[in-house]
Amino acid sequence: MRLGVLGGTFDPVHFGHLRLAESARETDPLELDKVLFIPAGQPWRKSNRAVSDPTHRAAMLSLAMEGNAAFEMSTLELERGGPTYTVDTLEVLHDRYPGSDLTLILGADALADLPNWREPERILALARPAVASRHNSTDGELERQALPAGALERVLWVRMEPLEISGSDIRDKVRRGLSIRYLLPDVVRLYIEEHRLYLD
């Protein structure tokens, strides 16, 4: 199986996440059979801010994926105690999906931050990075980054529409009473309204 792995807090999931997954799924030569969305439990890189309850984040993600048979959610990081590390998740996935080719789907900003992650060399050994390029960017933007040896050579660039959507912007709009229509699926927007998320 050709399996894509897209992790994140998904707080909330939005069209940027969904479009990235779909673009990576269709990118040649990946042609992924499935994209596995993995909401983070305790994301150690975001320990400086509060993250919504895992139940809400998983529920919103489940609603957003409805109707796409190639999208699936795994709650393995939500079930794991302690901080969430990508390398641990990829190790588990190798055991759960023996013989599968794993592709780690990332934004260019996440790839640039990779040297700060736990065991970046091991991450690259476990999965090939598929990286969304923004504004027709290329690997030239990352040449000066202290990436692990051979990282750029393994990157497959995913071309996608420039969707400048962020979870932090959505949360801020909710707090300020502004519209979040057309930034995320309506079912997710209605869930946020029903549960009064991001108002505090």
C-alpha atoms as a PDB file:
ATOM      1  CA  MET A   1       0.000   0.000   0.000  1.00  0.00           C
ATOM      2  CA  ARG A   2       1.151   3.518  -0.795  1.00  0.00           C
ATOM      3  CA  LEU A   3       0.212   5.343   2.397  1.00  0.00           C
ATOM      4  CA  GLY A   4       0.367   9.085   2.978  1.00  0.00           C
ATOM      5  CA  VAL A   5       0.689  10.367   6.529  1.00  0.00           C
ATOM      6  CA  LEU A   6      -0.549  13.843   7.425  1.00  0.00           C
ATOM      7  CA  GLY A   7      -0.182  14.852  11.051  1.00  0.00           C
ATOM      8  CA  GLY A   8      -1.200  18.034  12.811  1.00  0.00           C
ATOM      9  CA  THR A   9      -3.234  19.478  15.617  1.00  0.00           C
ATOM     10  CA  PHE A  10      -6.168  20.094  13.226  1.00  0.00           C
ATOM     11  CA  ASP A  11      -7.439  22.793  15.556  1.00  0.00           C
ATOM     12  CA  PRO A  12      -9.555  23.125  13.496  1.00  0.00           C
ATOM     13  CA  VAL A  13      -9.121  21.128  10.301  1.00  0.00           C
ATOM     14  CA  HIS A  14      -9.581  23.411   7.281  1.00  0.00           C
ATOM     15  CA  PHE A  15      -9.502  23.403   3.484  1.00  0.00           C
ATOM     16  CA  GLY A  16      -5.718  23.892   3.461  1.00  0.00           C
ATOM     17  CA  HIS A  17      -5.254  20.522   5.190  1.00  0.00           C
ATOM     18  CA  LEU A  18      -7.780  18.765   2.982  1.00  0.00           C
ATOM     19  CA  ARG A  19      -6.464  20.191  -0.266  1.00  0.00           C
ATOM     20  CA  LEU A  20      -2.878  19.325   0.693  1.00  0.00           C
ATOM     21  CA  ALA A  21      -3.885  15.714   1.321  1.00  0.00           C
ATOM     22  CA  GLU A  22      -5.791  15.482  -1.953  1.00  0.00           C
ATOM     23  CA  SER A  23      -2.983  17.101  -3.958  1.00  0.00           C
ATOM     24  CA  ALA A  24      -0.405  14.745  -2.460  1.00  0.00           C
ATOM     25  CA  ARG A  25      -2.659  11.756  -3.107  1.00  0.00           C
ATOM     26  CA  GLU A  26      -2.800  12.541  -6.814  1.00  0.00           C
ATOM     27  CA  THR A  27       0.829  13.614  -7.275  1.00  0.00           C
ATOM     28  CA  ASP A  28       2.808  11.456  -9.674  1.00  0.00           C
ATOM     29  CA  PRO A  29       4.658   9.223  -8.862  1.00  0.00           C
ATOM     30  CA  LEU A  30       3.061   8.943  -5.399  1.00  0.00           C
ATOM     31  CA  GLU A  31      -0.522   8.118  -6.427  1.00  0.00           C
ATOM     32  CA  LEU A  32      -1.311   7.290  -2.816  1.00  0.00           C
ATOM     33  CA  ASP A  33      -3.853   4.594  -2.028  1.00  0.00           C
ATOM     34  CA  LYS A  34      -4.783   6.267   1.234  1.00  0.00           C
ATOM     35  CA  VAL A  35      -4.007   9.364   3.272  1.00  0.00           C
ATOM     36  CA  LEU A  36      -3.945   8.810   7.004  1.00  0.00           C
ATOM     37  CA  PHE A  37      -4.785  11.927   9.043  1.00  0.00           C
ATOM     38  CA  ILE A  38      -3.221  11.738  12.502  1.00  0.00           C
ATOM     39  CA  PRO A  39      -4.334  14.372  15.034  1.00  0.00           C
ATOM     40  CA  ALA A  40      -1.588  15.089  17.547  1.00  0.00           C
ATOM     41  CA  GLY A  41      -2.058  14.226  21.186  1.00  0.00           C
ATOM     42  CA  GLN A  42       0.345  16.548  23.013  1.00  0.00           C
ATOM     43  CA  PRO A  43       2.284  18.330  20.230  1.00  0.00           C
ATOM     44  CA  TRP A  44       5.604  19.222  21.857  1.00  0.00           C
ATOM     45  CA  ARG A  45       6.341  21.943  19.254  1.00  0.00           C
ATOM     46  CA  LYS A  46       3.161  23.747  20.348  1.00  0.00           C
ATOM     47  CA  SER A  47       3.542  23.349  24.091  1.00  0.00           C
ATOM     48  CA  ASN A  48       3.389  27.136  24.509  1.00  0.00           C
ATOM     49  CA  ARG A  49      -0.329  27.325  23.663  1.00  0.00           C
ATOM     50  CA  ALA A  50      -3.490  25.547  24.686  1.00  0.00           C
ATOM     51  CA  VAL A  51      -4.802  22.977  22.230  1.00  0.00           C
ATOM     52  CA  SER A  52      -8.469  22.057  22.028  1.00  0.00           C
ATOM     53  CA  ASP A  53      -9.714  18.853  23.602  1.00  0.00           C
ATOM     54  CA  PRO A  54      -8.760  15.810  21.473  1.00  0.00           C
ATOM     55  CA  THR A  55     -12.399  14.717  21.320  1.00  0.00           C
ATOM     56  CA  HIS A  56     -13.364  17.922  19.510  1.00  0.00           C
ATOM     57  CA  ARG A  57     -10.409  17.854  17.143  1.00  0.00           C
ATOM     58  CA  ALA A  58     -11.060  14.230  16.192  1.00  0.00           C
ATOM     59  CA  ALA A  59     -14.782  14.870  15.736  1.00  0.00           C
ATOM     60  CA  MET A  60     -14.151  17.840  13.418  1.00  0.00           C
ATOM     61  CA  LEU A  61     -11.642  15.825  11.404  1.00  0.00           C
ATOM     62  CA  SER A  62     -14.060  12.928  11.051  1.00  0.00           C
ATOM     63  CA  LEU A  63     -16.768  15.272   9.775  1.00  0.00           C
ATOM     64  CA  ALA A  64     -14.397  16.931   7.307  1.00  0.00           C
ATOM     65  CA  MET A  65     -13.293  13.624   5.752  1.00  0.00           C
ATOM     66  CA  GLU A  66     -16.793  12.303   5.086  1.00  0.00           C
ATOM     67  CA  GLY A  67     -17.318  11.308   1.468  1.00  0.00           C
ATOM     68  CA  ASN A  68     -13.655  10.696   0.602  1.00  0.00           C
ATOM     69  CA  ALA A  69     -12.907   6.982   0.703  1.00  0.00           C
ATOM     70  CA  ALA A  70      -9.164   7.645   0.385  1.00  0.00           C
ATOM     71  CA  PHE A  71      -9.061   9.624   3.646  1.00  0.00           C
ATOM     72  CA  GLU A  72      -8.831   7.878   7.007  1.00  0.00           C
ATOM     73  CA  MET A  73      -8.146   9.041  10.551  1.00  0.00           C
ATOM     74  CA  SER A  74      -5.877   7.327  13.056  1.00  0.00           C
ATOM     75  CA  THR A  75      -6.136   8.215  16.742  1.00  0.00           C
ATOM     76  CA  LEU A  76      -2.891   6.501  17.720  1.00  0.00           C
ATOM     77  CA  GLU A  77      -1.284   9.772  18.875  1.00  0.00           C
ATOM     78  CA  LEU A  78      -4.380  10.720  20.876  1.00  0.00           C
ATOM     79  CA  GLU A  79      -4.205   7.369  22.648  1.00  0.00           C
ATOM     80  CA  ARG A  80      -0.497   7.674  23.430  1.00  0.00           C
ATOM     81  CA  GLY A  81       0.510   9.318  26.681  1.00  0.00           C
ATOM     82  CA  GLY A  82       3.052  12.091  26.817  1.00  0.00           C
ATOM     83  CA  PRO A  83       4.389  14.350  24.056  1.00  0.00           C
ATOM     84  CA  THR A  84       3.773  13.458  20.422  1.00  0.00           C
ATOM     85  CA  TYR A  85       6.807  12.687  18.250  1.00  0.00           C
ATOM     86  CA  THR A  86       6.578  11.969  14.520  1.00  0.00           C
ATOM     87  CA  VAL A  87       9.370   9.400  14.596  1.00  0.00           C
ATOM     88  CA  ASP A  88       7.462   7.278  17.144  1.00  0.00           C
ATOM     89  CA  THR A  89       4.301   7.455  15.040  1.00  0.00           C
ATOM     90  CA  LEU A  90       6.118   6.347  11.887  1.00  0.00           C
ATOM     91  CA  GLU A  91       7.663   3.406  13.757  1.00  0.00           C
ATOM     92  CA  VAL A  92       4.182   2.283  14.837  1.00  0.00           C
ATOM     93  CA  LEU A  93       2.810   2.670  11.309  1.00  0.00           C
ATOM     94  CA  HIS A  94       5.616   0.509   9.915  1.00  0.00           C
ATOM     95  CA  ASP A  95       4.484  -2.247  12.267  1.00  0.00           C
ATOM     96  CA  ARG A  96       0.773  -1.756  11.544  1.00  0.00           C
ATOM     97  CA  TYR A  97       1.158  -1.592   7.765  1.00  0.00           C
ATOM     98  CA  PRO A  98       4.018  -4.007   6.984  1.00  0.00           C
ATOM     99  CA  GLY A  99       5.383  -3.689   3.462  1.00  0.00           C
ATOM    100  CA  SER A 100       3.722  -0.322   2.866  1.00  0.00           C
ATOM    101  CA  ASP A 101       5.510   2.676   1.395  1.00  0.00           C
ATOM    102  CA  LEU A 102       5.085   5.591   3.783  1.00  0.00           C
ATOM    103  CA  THR A 103       5.017   9.189   2.592  1.00  0.00           C
ATOM    104  CA  LEU A 104       5.121  11.983   5.168  1.00  0.00           C
ATOM    105  CA  ILE A 105       3.077  14.934   3.885  1.00  0.00           C
ATOM    106  CA  LEU A 106       4.421  18.288   5.046  1.00  0.00           C
ATOM    107  CA  GLY A 107       4.261  21.985   4.396  1.00  0.00           C
ATOM    108  CA  ALA A 108       7.506  23.706   3.396  1.00  0.00           C
ATOM    109  CA  ASP A 109       7.627  25.389   6.804  1.00  0.00           C
ATOM    110  CA  ALA A 110       7.502  22.002   8.532  1.00  0.00           C
ATOM    111  CA  LEU A 111      10.343  20.675   6.379  1.00  0.00           C
ATOM    112  CA  ALA A 112      12.448  23.705   7.293  1.00  0.00           C
ATOM    113  CA  ASP A 113      11.756  22.957  10.967  1.00  0.00           C
ATOM    114  CA  LEU A 114      12.653  19.270  10.601  1.00  0.00           C
ATOM    115  CA  PRO A 115      16.143  19.625  12.143  1.00  0.00           C
ATOM    116  CA  ASN A 116      14.421  20.567  15.424  1.00  0.00           C
ATOM    117  CA  TRP A 117      12.330  17.395  15.495  1.00  0.00           C
ATOM    118  CA  ARG A 118      13.298  14.242  17.351  1.00  0.00           C
ATOM    119  CA  GLU A 119      15.528  11.967  15.226  1.00  0.00           C
ATOM    120  CA  PRO A 120      15.079  13.711  11.860  1.00  0.00           C
ATOM    121  CA  GLU A 121      17.417  11.252  10.095  1.00  0.00           C
ATOM    122  CA  ARG A 122      15.285   8.351  11.290  1.00  0.00           C
ATOM    123  CA  ILE A 123      12.121  10.127  10.097  1.00  0.00           C
ATOM    124  CA  LEU A 124      13.617  10.396   6.604  1.00  0.00           C
ATOM    125  CA  ALA A 125      14.588   6.721   6.684  1.00  0.00           C
ATOM    126  CA  LEU A 126      11.054   5.684   7.605  1.00  0.00           C
ATOM    127  CA  ALA A 127       9.119   7.862   5.145  1.00  0.00           C
ATOM    128  CA  ARG A 128       9.668   9.926   2.045  1.00  0.00           C
ATOM    129  CA  PRO A 129       8.727  13.590   2.521  1.00  0.00           C
ATOM    130  CA  ALA A 130       6.121  15.017   0.154  1.00  0.00           C
ATOM    131  CA  VAL A 131       6.234  18.763   0.614  1.00  0.00           C
ATOM    132  CA  ALA A 132       3.731  21.395  -0.489  1.00  0.00           C
ATOM    133  CA  SER A 133       5.396  24.235  -2.313  1.00  0.00           C
ATOM    134  CA  ARG A 134       3.868  27.677  -1.898  1.00  0.00           C
ATOM    135  CA  HIS A 135       3.915  30.425  -4.506  1.00  0.00           C
ATOM    136  CA  ASN A 136       5.814  28.227  -6.985  1.00  0.00           C
ATOM    137  CA  SER A 137       8.648  27.793  -4.506  1.00  0.00           C
ATOM    138  CA  THR A 138      11.403  25.238  -5.038  1.00  0.00           C
ATOM    139  CA  ASP A 139      13.987  23.496  -2.933  1.00  0.00           C
ATOM    140  CA  GLY A 140      16.179  26.569  -3.439  1.00  0.00           C
ATOM    141  CA  GLU A 141      14.349  28.161  -0.544  1.00  0.00           C
ATOM    142  CA  LEU A 142      15.588  25.418   1.744  1.00  0.00           C
ATOM    143  CA  GLU A 143      19.184  25.084   0.578  1.00  0.00           C
ATOM    144  CA  ARG A 144      20.435  27.209   3.465  1.00  0.00           C
ATOM    145  CA  GLN A 145      18.493  25.259   6.084  1.00  0.00           C
ATOM    146  CA  ALA A 146      20.419  22.808   8.256  1.00  0.00           C
ATOM    147  CA  LEU A 147      18.499  19.815   6.933  1.00  0.00           C
ATOM    148  CA  PRO A 148      19.765  16.280   7.455  1.00  0.00           C
ATOM    149  CA  ALA A 149      22.104  14.989   4.764  1.00  0.00           C
ATOM    150  CA  GLY A 150      20.207  13.835   1.698  1.00  0.00           C
ATOM    151  CA  ALA A 151      16.899  15.320   2.836  1.00  0.00           C
ATOM    152  CA  LEU A 152      16.319  17.528  -0.190  1.00  0.00           C
ATOM    153  CA  GLU A 153      17.176  14.699  -2.558  1.00  0.00           C
ATOM    154  CA  ARG A 154      14.337  12.649  -1.069  1.00  0.00           C
ATOM    155  CA  VAL A 155      11.741  15.429  -1.219  1.00  0.00           C
ATOM    156  CA  LEU A 156       8.900  15.126  -3.689  1.00  0.00           C
ATOM    157  CA  TRP A 157       7.341  18.548  -4.273  1.00  0.00           C
ATOM    158  CA  VAL A 158       3.561  18.683  -4.295  1.00  0.00           C
ATOM    159  CA  ARG A 159       2.074  21.460  -6.382  1.00  0.00           C
ATOM    160  CA  MET A 160      -1.137  22.841  -4.975  1.00  0.00           C
ATOM    161  CA  GLU A 161      -3.202  25.989  -5.048  1.00  0.00           C
ATOM    162  CA  PRO A 162      -1.904  28.712  -2.710  1.00  0.00           C
ATOM    163  CA  LEU A 163      -4.488  28.510   0.076  1.00  0.00           C
ATOM    164  CA  GLU A 164      -3.398  30.931   2.772  1.00  0.00           C
ATOM    165  CA  ILE A 165      -5.524  29.444   5.549  1.00  0.00           C
ATOM    166  CA  SER A 166      -4.339  28.801   9.081  1.00  0.00           C
ATOM    167  CA  GLY A 167      -5.922  27.391  12.198  1.00  0.00           C
ATOM    168  CA  SER A 168      -4.675  30.334  14.253  1.00  0.00           C
ATOM    169  CA  ASP A 169      -6.400  32.783  11.913  1.00  0.00           C
ATOM    170  CA  ILE A 170      -9.649  30.813  12.108  1.00  0.00           C
ATOM    171  CA  ARG A 171      -9.523  30.722  15.901  1.00  0.00           C
ATOM    172  CA  ASP A 172      -8.839  34.455  15.975  1.00  0.00           C
ATOM    173  CA  LYS A 173     -11.791  35.181  13.688  1.00  0.00           C
ATOM    174  CA  VAL A 174     -14.097  33.151  15.929  1.00  0.00           C
ATOM    175  CA  ARG A 175     -12.939  35.056  19.010  1.00  0.00           C
ATOM    176  CA  ARG A 176     -13.545  38.355  17.211  1.00  0.00           C
ATOM    177  CA  GLY A 177     -16.987  37.330  15.952  1.00  0.00           C
ATOM    178  CA  LEU A 178     -15.932  37.308  12.286  1.00  0.00           C
ATOM    179  CA  SER A 179     -17.093  34.879   9.601  1.00  0.00           C
ATOM    180  CA  ILE A 180     -15.151  31.672   8.980  1.00  0.00           C
ATOM    181  CA  ARG A 181     -17.305  30.600   6.028  1.00  0.00           C
ATOM    182  CA  TYR A 182     -15.368  29.236   3.025  1.00  0.00           C
ATOM    183  CA  LEU A 183     -12.251  28.593   5.116  1.00  0.00           C
ATOM    184  CA  LEU A 184     -13.313  25.129   6.217  1.00  0.00           C
ATOM    185  CA  PRO A 185     -16.154  22.674   5.533  1.00  0.00           C
ATOM    186  CA  ASP A 186     -19.575  23.844   6.681  1.00  0.00           C
ATOM    187  CA  VAL A 187     -19.987  20.760   8.871  1.00  0.00           C
ATOM    188  CA  VAL A 188     -16.861  21.806  10.782  1.00  0.00           C
ATOM    189  CA  ARG A 189     -18.034  25.406  11.050  1.00  0.00           C
ATOM    190  CA  LEU A 190     -21.377  24.260  12.450  1.00  0.00           C
ATOM    191  CA  TYR A 191     -19.595  21.987  14.940  1.00  0.00           C
ATOM    192  CA  ILE A 192     -17.499  24.929  16.142  1.00  0.00           C
ATOM    193  CA  GLU A 193     -20.626  27.038  16.561  1.00  0.00           C
ATOM    194  CA  GLU A 194     -22.572  24.282  18.307  1.00  0.00           C
ATOM    195  CA  HIS A 195     -19.806  23.597  20.830  1.00  0.00           C
ATOM    196  CA  ARG A 196     -18.775  27.231  21.144  1.00  0.00           C
ATOM    197  CA  LEU A 197     -15.140  26.477  20.462  1.00  0.00           C
ATOM    198  CA  TYR A 198     -12.417  29.145  20.455  1.00  0.00           C
ATOM    199  CA  LEU A 199     -14.507  31.729  22.298  1.00  0.00           C
ATOM    200  CA  ASP A 200     -12.510  31.687  25.524  1.00  0.00           C
END
